[in-house]
Amino acid sequence: MQLLHLVMGGRVKNPQSLEFEDLTKIDLVGVYGTYAEAEEAWRSHAQRTVDDAEMKYVIVHLHKLLEPKLPGE
């Protein structure tokens, strides 16, 4: 089974939350087939905005949304 990971980010209303200020300005970095690839992309983008507490990048496990119960779980 293919595992898909979405990397995205944007400005959040509160640095301790994941509520984005403006959904039209979300930075969709890309979709990756392994967590390692997604983490590399996430790290690259997150480090560019490390001094801006209101910018947040995340990894979304798309495969968990598409198939919540994987075989063997």
C-alpha atoms as a PDB file:
ATOM      1  CA  MET A   1       0.000   0.000   0.000  1.00  0.00           C
ATOM      2  CA  GLN A   2       1.227   3.465  -0.868  1.00  0.00           C
ATOM      3  CA  LEU A   3       1.601   5.867   2.054  1.00  0.00           C
ATOM      4  CA  LEU A   4       0.952   9.504   1.175  1.00  0.00           C
ATOM      5  CA  HIS A   5       2.160  12.494   3.200  1.00  0.00           C
ATOM      6  CA  LEU A   6       1.169  16.111   2.511  1.00  0.00           C
ATOM      7  CA  VAL A   7       3.480  18.936   3.600  1.00  0.00           C
ATOM      8  CA  MET A   8       1.800  22.319   3.979  1.00  0.00           C
ATOM      9  CA  GLY A   9       2.124  25.472   5.997  1.00  0.00           C
ATOM     10  CA  GLY A  10       1.015  29.002   6.581  1.00  0.00           C
ATOM     11  CA  ARG A  11       0.458  31.742   9.097  1.00  0.00           C
ATOM     12  CA  VAL A  12      -1.473  30.619  12.191  1.00  0.00           C
ATOM     13  CA  LYS A  13      -3.665  32.762  14.457  1.00  0.00           C
ATOM     14  CA  ASN A  14      -1.941  31.448  17.578  1.00  0.00           C
ATOM     15  CA  PRO A  15       1.523  29.819  17.547  1.00  0.00           C
ATOM     16  CA  GLN A  16       0.226  27.067  19.849  1.00  0.00           C
ATOM     17  CA  SER A  17      -2.601  26.060  17.513  1.00  0.00           C
ATOM     18  CA  LEU A  18      -3.112  24.863  13.965  1.00  0.00           C
ATOM     19  CA  GLU A  19      -5.803  27.369  13.033  1.00  0.00           C
ATOM     20  CA  PHE A  20      -4.546  29.099   9.900  1.00  0.00           C
ATOM     21  CA  GLU A  21      -5.286  32.799   9.378  1.00  0.00           C
ATOM     22  CA  ASP A  22      -6.044  32.706   5.655  1.00  0.00           C
ATOM     23  CA  LEU A  23      -6.696  29.411   3.891  1.00  0.00           C
ATOM     24  CA  THR A  24      -6.172  31.049   0.503  1.00  0.00           C
ATOM     25  CA  LYS A  25      -2.529  31.637   1.449  1.00  0.00           C
ATOM     26  CA  ILE A  26      -1.688  28.069   2.527  1.00  0.00           C
ATOM     27  CA  ASP A  27       1.657  26.950   1.105  1.00  0.00           C
ATOM     28  CA  LEU A  28       1.083  23.473  -0.350  1.00  0.00           C
ATOM     29  CA  VAL A  29       4.642  22.165  -0.479  1.00  0.00           C
ATOM     30  CA  GLY A  30       3.819  18.753  -1.943  1.00  0.00           C
ATOM     31  CA  VAL A  31       2.765  15.142  -1.532  1.00  0.00           C
ATOM     32  CA  TYR A  32       5.423  12.534  -0.730  1.00  0.00           C
ATOM     33  CA  GLY A  33       5.455   8.745  -0.789  1.00  0.00           C
ATOM     34  CA  THR A  34       7.536   8.264   2.353  1.00  0.00           C
ATOM     35  CA  TYR A  35       7.626   9.960   5.709  1.00  0.00           C
ATOM     36  CA  ALA A  36      11.372  10.562   5.308  1.00  0.00           C
ATOM     37  CA  GLU A  37      10.803  12.543   2.090  1.00  0.00           C
ATOM     38  CA  ALA A  38       7.994  14.520   3.702  1.00  0.00           C
ATOM     39  CA  GLU A  39      10.104  15.242   6.768  1.00  0.00           C
ATOM     40  CA  GLU A  40      12.948  16.526   4.602  1.00  0.00           C
ATOM     41  CA  ALA A  41      10.591  18.904   2.768  1.00  0.00           C
ATOM     42  CA  TRP A  42       8.938  19.966   6.039  1.00  0.00           C
ATOM     43  CA  ARG A  43      12.308  20.629   7.699  1.00  0.00           C
ATOM     44  CA  SER A  44      13.491  22.688   4.726  1.00  0.00           C
ATOM     45  CA  HIS A  45      10.416  24.931   4.750  1.00  0.00           C
ATOM     46  CA  ALA A  46      10.106  25.160   8.539  1.00  0.00           C
ATOM     47  CA  GLN A  47      13.743  26.238   8.902  1.00  0.00           C
ATOM     48  CA  ARG A  48      13.223  29.111   6.452  1.00  0.00           C
ATOM     49  CA  THR A  49      10.600  30.586   8.786  1.00  0.00           C
ATOM     50  CA  VAL A  50      12.141  29.595  12.134  1.00  0.00           C
ATOM     51  CA  ASP A  51      12.227  33.227  13.341  1.00  0.00           C
ATOM     52  CA  ASP A  52       8.506  33.755  12.639  1.00  0.00           C
ATOM     53  CA  ALA A  53       6.500  32.068  15.413  1.00  0.00           C
ATOM     54  CA  GLU A  54       3.246  32.537  13.500  1.00  0.00           C
ATOM     55  CA  MET A  55       4.417  30.511  10.478  1.00  0.00           C
ATOM     56  CA  LYS A  56       3.888  26.793  10.862  1.00  0.00           C
ATOM     57  CA  TYR A  57       4.512  23.840   8.547  1.00  0.00           C
ATOM     58  CA  VAL A  58       3.009  20.405   9.161  1.00  0.00           C
ATOM     59  CA  ILE A  59       3.004  16.881   7.748  1.00  0.00           C
ATOM     60  CA  VAL A  60      -0.466  15.430   7.156  1.00  0.00           C
ATOM     61  CA  HIS A  61      -0.733  11.637   6.856  1.00  0.00           C
ATOM     62  CA  LEU A  62      -3.103  11.471   3.882  1.00  0.00           C
ATOM     63  CA  HIS A  63      -3.082   7.672   3.872  1.00  0.00           C
ATOM     64  CA  LYS A  64      -4.703   7.719   7.316  1.00  0.00           C
ATOM     65  CA  LEU A  65      -7.506   9.907   5.988  1.00  0.00           C
ATOM     66  CA  LEU A  66      -8.017   7.745   2.888  1.00  0.00           C
ATOM     67  CA  GLU A  67      -7.944   4.431   4.774  1.00  0.00           C
ATOM     68  CA  PRO A  68      -8.300   4.944   8.527  1.00  0.00           C
ATOM     69  CA  LYS A  69      -7.799   1.239   9.274  1.00  0.00           C
ATOM     70  CA  LEU A  70      -4.824  -0.258   7.507  1.00  0.00           C
ATOM     71  CA  PRO A  71      -4.593  -4.040   7.180  1.00  0.00           C
ATOM     72  CA  GLY A  72      -3.034  -5.563  10.290  1.00  0.00           C
ATOM     73  CA  GLU A  73      -4.023  -2.745  12.630  1.00  0.00           C
END
